[in-house]
């Protein structure tokens, strides 16, 4: 919110939307393939998550971040929550630039969809645990995650061209991968302490004790490979010389 106020104050407001900062106030940090590749402005991999195009844009993201982030932070802790948030944002930004390198984007929705992806991973990895302990939470998370994905599909004749579906999808995929990796890390930490991971009963864990170490590394490696693939496409397969001039996308 502070950054939004600053961007509105430096160059004033635009007439495009209600309380929208002038494009000069956010152009320094929006996603821009040409400037990253040609001028090495690598901060643009992260700064789009901190910038917003207008008041409705930031308020929608703020509410979603507050609603989901508080619960996830309570479960993961501050450090892992920050890692999840910014990895989700980075994955969404990269995926969007790989698919649509000719546009510019701002907004925390890529990171927020990373949180939705974490919820999806949590439902799958803790499905039976929630059935035993928190049946209401399982139902809520299934409905909520499905609602968020369907609500933001942005398809059809009335689709908003400024909504970045590819960024949302990239953040969602990243959140799912990171969510599974974090789950397996928690299991790994439990095994190091020679106790049964919280999401299993002793009986359930007896049948999984052999495969669990493999999946601990598998999920982590898969997350790393996802980012390697995104960066390879970005640096090796995008022809920056063929890209048109500026065209902002909020």
Protein backbone atom coordinates (compact mmCIF):
# COMPACT_ATOMS: atom_id res chain seq x y z
CA UNK A 1 0.00 0.00 0.00
CA UNK A 2 2.87 2.39 0.81
CA UNK A 3 4.47 1.76 -2.58
CA UNK A 4 1.10 2.39 -4.28
CA UNK A 5 0.78 5.76 -2.54
CA UNK A 6 4.33 6.67 -3.56
CA UNK A 7 3.75 5.74 -7.22
CA UNK A 8 0.57 7.84 -7.23
CA UNK A 9 2.42 10.79 -5.71
CA UNK A 10 5.55 11.01 -7.84
CA UNK A 11 3.97 11.63 -11.26
CA UNK A 12 0.36 12.10 -10.23
CA UNK A 13 -2.65 10.13 -11.42
CA UNK A 14 -3.75 8.79 -14.77
CA UNK A 15 -7.27 9.14 -16.15
CA UNK A 16 -7.40 5.50 -17.25
CA UNK A 17 -8.91 4.17 -13.98
CA UNK A 18 -9.96 5.41 -10.55
CA UNK A 19 -6.84 6.38 -8.55
CA UNK A 20 -4.48 4.96 -11.15
CA UNK A 21 -0.85 6.14 -11.00
CA UNK A 22 0.66 7.66 -14.10
CA UNK A 23 2.49 5.01 -16.12
CA UNK A 24 5.79 6.76 -15.42
CA UNK A 25 5.34 5.97 -11.75
CA UNK A 26 5.30 2.21 -12.34
CA UNK A 27 7.26 1.80 -15.59
CA UNK A 28 10.53 1.52 -13.65
CA UNK A 29 9.42 -1.79 -12.16
CA UNK A 30 6.85 -3.46 -14.39
CA UNK A 31 7.79 -6.64 -16.24
CA UNK A 32 9.74 -5.76 -19.37
CA UNK A 33 11.54 -8.47 -21.32
CA UNK A 34 13.61 -6.03 -23.38
CA UNK A 35 14.94 -4.10 -20.40
CA UNK A 36 15.78 -7.28 -18.50
CA UNK A 37 17.56 -8.86 -21.45
CA UNK A 38 19.22 -5.80 -22.98
CA UNK A 39 19.79 -3.57 -19.95
CA UNK A 40 20.10 -6.24 -17.22
CA UNK A 41 17.34 -4.74 -15.09
CA UNK A 42 16.84 -7.97 -13.18
CA UNK A 43 14.84 -6.32 -10.40
CA UNK A 44 11.91 -6.52 -12.81
CA UNK A 45 11.63 -10.23 -11.97
CA UNK A 46 10.35 -9.18 -8.53
CA UNK A 47 9.13 -5.57 -8.54
CA UNK A 48 5.91 -6.20 -10.55
CA UNK A 49 4.57 -7.98 -7.46
CA UNK A 50 4.92 -4.72 -5.49
CA UNK A 51 3.24 -2.43 -8.04
CA UNK A 52 -0.43 -1.97 -8.96
CA UNK A 53 -2.31 -0.24 -11.75
CA UNK A 54 -5.21 1.36 -9.82
CA UNK A 55 -7.06 1.35 -6.50
CA UNK A 56 -9.42 -1.54 -7.31
CA UNK A 57 -6.41 -3.57 -8.43
CA UNK A 58 -4.48 -3.19 -5.18
CA UNK A 59 -7.54 -3.54 -2.92
CA UNK A 60 -8.56 -6.82 -4.54
CA UNK A 61 -5.06 -8.20 -4.16
CA UNK A 62 -4.73 -6.83 -0.63
CA UNK A 63 -7.90 -8.55 0.54
CA UNK A 64 -6.90 -11.86 -1.08
CA UNK A 65 -3.39 -11.65 0.35
CA UNK A 66 -4.68 -10.83 3.85
CA UNK A 67 -7.34 -13.54 3.77
CA UNK A 68 -5.07 -16.35 2.60
CA UNK A 69 -1.71 -15.14 3.80
CA UNK A 70 -2.55 -14.92 7.50
CA UNK A 71 -3.60 -18.57 7.70
CA UNK A 72 -0.63 -19.82 5.66
CA UNK A 73 1.82 -17.69 7.63
CA UNK A 74 0.42 -19.09 10.87
CA UNK A 75 1.10 -22.61 9.61
CA UNK A 76 4.43 -22.11 7.82
CA UNK A 77 6.02 -19.28 9.74
CA UNK A 78 7.15 -15.91 8.41
CA UNK A 79 10.29 -17.04 6.54
CA UNK A 80 8.66 -19.90 4.62
CA UNK A 81 5.64 -17.73 3.90
CA UNK A 82 7.88 -15.05 2.36
CA UNK A 83 9.68 -17.70 0.28
CA UNK A 84 6.37 -19.12 -0.96
CA UNK A 85 4.99 -15.66 -1.74
CA UNK A 86 7.92 -14.39 -3.76
CA UNK A 87 8.56 -17.70 -5.54
CA UNK A 88 4.89 -17.71 -6.59
CA UNK A 89 5.26 -14.14 -7.84
CA UNK A 90 8.49 -14.93 -9.69
CA UNK A 91 7.04 -18.06 -11.29
CA UNK A 92 3.97 -16.19 -12.47
CA UNK A 93 5.95 -13.24 -13.82
CA UNK A 94 8.39 -15.51 -15.68
CA UNK A 95 5.64 -17.69 -17.13
CA UNK A 96 3.74 -14.63 -18.32
CA UNK A 97 6.82 -13.08 -19.94
CA UNK A 98 7.66 -16.39 -21.62
CA UNK A 99 4.16 -16.67 -23.11
CA UNK A 100 3.49 -12.98 -23.74
CA UNK A 101 6.89 -11.23 -23.96
CA UNK A 102 5.37 -8.22 -25.72
CA UNK A 103 3.36 -7.02 -22.68
CA UNK A 104 4.17 -5.32 -19.38
CA UNK A 105 2.53 -6.38 -16.15
CA UNK A 106 2.17 -5.31 -12.53
CA UNK A 107 0.29 -6.69 -9.57
CA UNK A 108 0.58 -9.18 -6.72
CA UNK A 109 -1.92 -11.59 -8.25
CA UNK A 110 0.86 -13.92 -9.44
CA UNK A 111 2.04 -14.28 -5.83
CA UNK A 112 -1.54 -14.61 -4.57
CA UNK A 113 -2.17 -17.44 -7.01
CA UNK A 114 0.96 -18.99 -5.58
CA UNK A 115 -0.92 -19.04 -2.27
CA UNK A 116 -3.92 -20.64 -3.97
CA UNK A 117 -1.56 -23.24 -5.45
CA UNK A 118 -0.22 -23.93 -1.96
CA UNK A 119 -3.76 -24.53 -0.74
CA UNK A 120 -4.32 -27.03 -3.56
CA UNK A 121 -1.09 -28.85 -2.68
CA UNK A 122 -2.09 -28.80 0.99
CA UNK A 123 -5.48 -30.34 0.24
CA UNK A 124 -3.89 -33.21 -1.70
CA UNK A 125 -1.02 -33.85 0.71
CA UNK A 126 -3.11 -33.51 3.88
CA UNK A 127 -6.44 -34.85 2.57
CA UNK A 128 -6.77 -37.73 5.03
CA UNK A 129 -5.26 -35.76 7.92
CA UNK A 130 -7.92 -33.05 7.53
CA UNK A 131 -10.56 -35.77 7.25
CA UNK A 132 -9.54 -37.01 10.68
CA UNK A 133 -8.89 -33.68 12.37
CA UNK A 134 -10.46 -30.85 10.35
CA UNK A 135 -13.19 -32.09 8.02
CA UNK A 136 -14.68 -28.60 7.75
CA UNK A 137 -11.34 -27.15 6.70
CA UNK A 138 -10.96 -29.74 3.95
CA UNK A 139 -14.36 -28.90 2.48
CA UNK A 140 -13.71 -25.16 2.75
CA UNK A 141 -10.30 -25.32 1.06
CA UNK A 142 -11.63 -27.44 -1.82
CA UNK A 143 -14.51 -25.02 -2.43
CA UNK A 144 -12.38 -21.90 -1.96
CA UNK A 145 -9.51 -23.04 -4.21
CA UNK A 146 -11.95 -24.11 -6.94
CA UNK A 147 -13.82 -20.81 -6.65
CA UNK A 148 -10.63 -18.75 -6.93
CA UNK A 149 -9.46 -20.63 -10.02
CA UNK A 150 -12.85 -20.46 -11.78
CA UNK A 151 -13.41 -16.82 -10.82
CA UNK A 152 -10.13 -15.77 -12.41
CA UNK A 153 -10.29 -17.77 -15.64
CA UNK A 154 -11.12 -14.51 -17.47
CA UNK A 155 -12.39 -16.25 -20.59
CA UNK A 156 -15.20 -15.55 -23.02
CA UNK A 157 -16.50 -12.49 -24.89
CA UNK A 158 -16.33 -10.26 -21.81
CA UNK A 159 -12.77 -11.17 -20.81
CA UNK A 160 -10.64 -8.27 -19.59
CA UNK A 161 -7.53 -7.99 -21.76
CA UNK A 162 -5.63 -6.40 -18.87
CA UNK A 163 -6.00 -9.49 -16.66
CA UNK A 164 -2.94 -11.69 -17.02
CA UNK A 165 -4.24 -15.28 -17.13
CA UNK A 166 -0.78 -16.63 -17.90
CA UNK A 167 0.69 -14.89 -14.85
CA UNK A 168 -2.07 -16.36 -12.69
CA UNK A 169 -1.45 -19.82 -14.11
CA UNK A 170 2.30 -19.57 -13.61
CA UNK A 171 1.83 -18.48 -10.01
CA UNK A 172 -0.66 -21.31 -9.44
CA UNK A 173 1.69 -23.97 -10.83
CA UNK A 174 4.59 -22.60 -8.80
CA UNK A 175 2.50 -22.55 -5.62
CA UNK A 176 1.49 -26.18 -6.13
CA UNK A 177 5.08 -27.29 -6.67
CA UNK A 178 6.44 -25.30 -3.74
CA UNK A 179 3.55 -26.51 -1.59
CA UNK A 180 4.37 -30.15 -2.22
CA UNK A 181 8.07 -29.48 -1.67
CA UNK A 182 7.38 -27.75 1.67
CA UNK A 183 5.15 -30.63 2.76
CA UNK A 184 7.88 -33.13 2.04
CA UNK A 185 10.43 -30.96 3.88
CA UNK A 186 8.21 -31.04 6.96
CA UNK A 187 8.02 -34.83 6.66
CA UNK A 188 11.79 -34.99 6.24
CA UNK A 189 12.34 -32.91 9.38
CA UNK A 190 10.02 -35.25 11.30
CA UNK A 191 12.01 -38.28 10.11
CA UNK A 192 15.25 -36.66 11.24
CA UNK A 193 13.72 -36.37 14.70
CA UNK A 194 12.64 -40.02 14.44
CA UNK A 195 8.95 -39.34 14.72
CA UNK A 196 5.95 -39.88 12.48
CA UNK A 197 5.10 -36.82 10.32
CA UNK A 198 2.03 -34.99 11.62
CA UNK A 199 -0.11 -35.70 8.57
CA UNK A 200 0.15 -39.49 8.98
CA UNK A 201 -0.97 -41.94 11.59
CA UNK A 202 1.61 -44.50 12.66
CA UNK A 203 -0.16 -47.18 10.62
CA UNK A 204 -0.33 -45.00 7.50
CA UNK A 205 3.31 -44.05 7.76
CA UNK A 206 4.53 -47.64 7.95
CA UNK A 207 3.46 -48.16 4.33
CA UNK A 208 5.00 -44.87 3.18
CA UNK A 209 8.31 -44.83 4.99
CA UNK A 210 10.20 -46.23 1.98
CA UNK A 211 8.83 -43.89 -0.70
CA UNK A 212 8.73 -40.69 1.39
CA UNK A 213 12.48 -39.95 1.21
CA UNK A 214 12.32 -40.23 -2.58
CA UNK A 215 9.43 -37.78 -2.80
CA UNK A 216 11.22 -35.34 -0.51
CA UNK A 217 13.90 -34.91 -3.16
CA UNK A 218 11.53 -35.37 -6.09
CA UNK A 219 9.29 -32.42 -5.21
CA UNK A 220 12.23 -30.14 -4.49
CA UNK A 221 14.02 -31.09 -7.71
CA UNK A 222 10.80 -30.66 -9.70
CA UNK A 223 10.42 -27.12 -8.34
CA UNK A 224 14.00 -26.28 -9.30
CA UNK A 225 13.52 -27.76 -12.80
CA UNK A 226 10.36 -25.66 -13.24
CA UNK A 227 12.33 -22.46 -12.64
CA UNK A 228 15.24 -23.65 -14.77
CA UNK A 229 12.83 -24.25 -17.66
CA UNK A 230 11.24 -20.81 -17.22
CA UNK A 231 14.62 -19.06 -17.23
CA UNK A 232 15.88 -21.08 -20.21
CA UNK A 233 12.85 -20.09 -22.28
CA UNK A 234 13.24 -16.48 -21.18
CA UNK A 235 16.92 -16.18 -22.06
CA UNK A 236 17.26 -18.58 -24.99
CA UNK A 237 13.99 -18.65 -26.92
CA UNK A 238 12.55 -15.13 -26.80
CA UNK A 239 13.63 -12.94 -29.70
CA UNK A 240 13.75 -9.51 -28.05
CA UNK A 241 14.58 -7.74 -31.32
CA UNK A 242 11.18 -8.68 -32.73
CA UNK A 243 9.23 -7.30 -29.77
CA UNK A 244 7.17 -4.11 -30.24
CA UNK A 245 7.54 -0.98 -28.14
CA UNK A 246 5.87 -0.39 -24.80
CA UNK A 247 2.34 -1.71 -24.20
CA UNK A 248 1.37 -1.74 -20.54
CA UNK A 249 -0.62 -4.61 -19.04
CA UNK A 250 -1.99 -4.39 -15.51
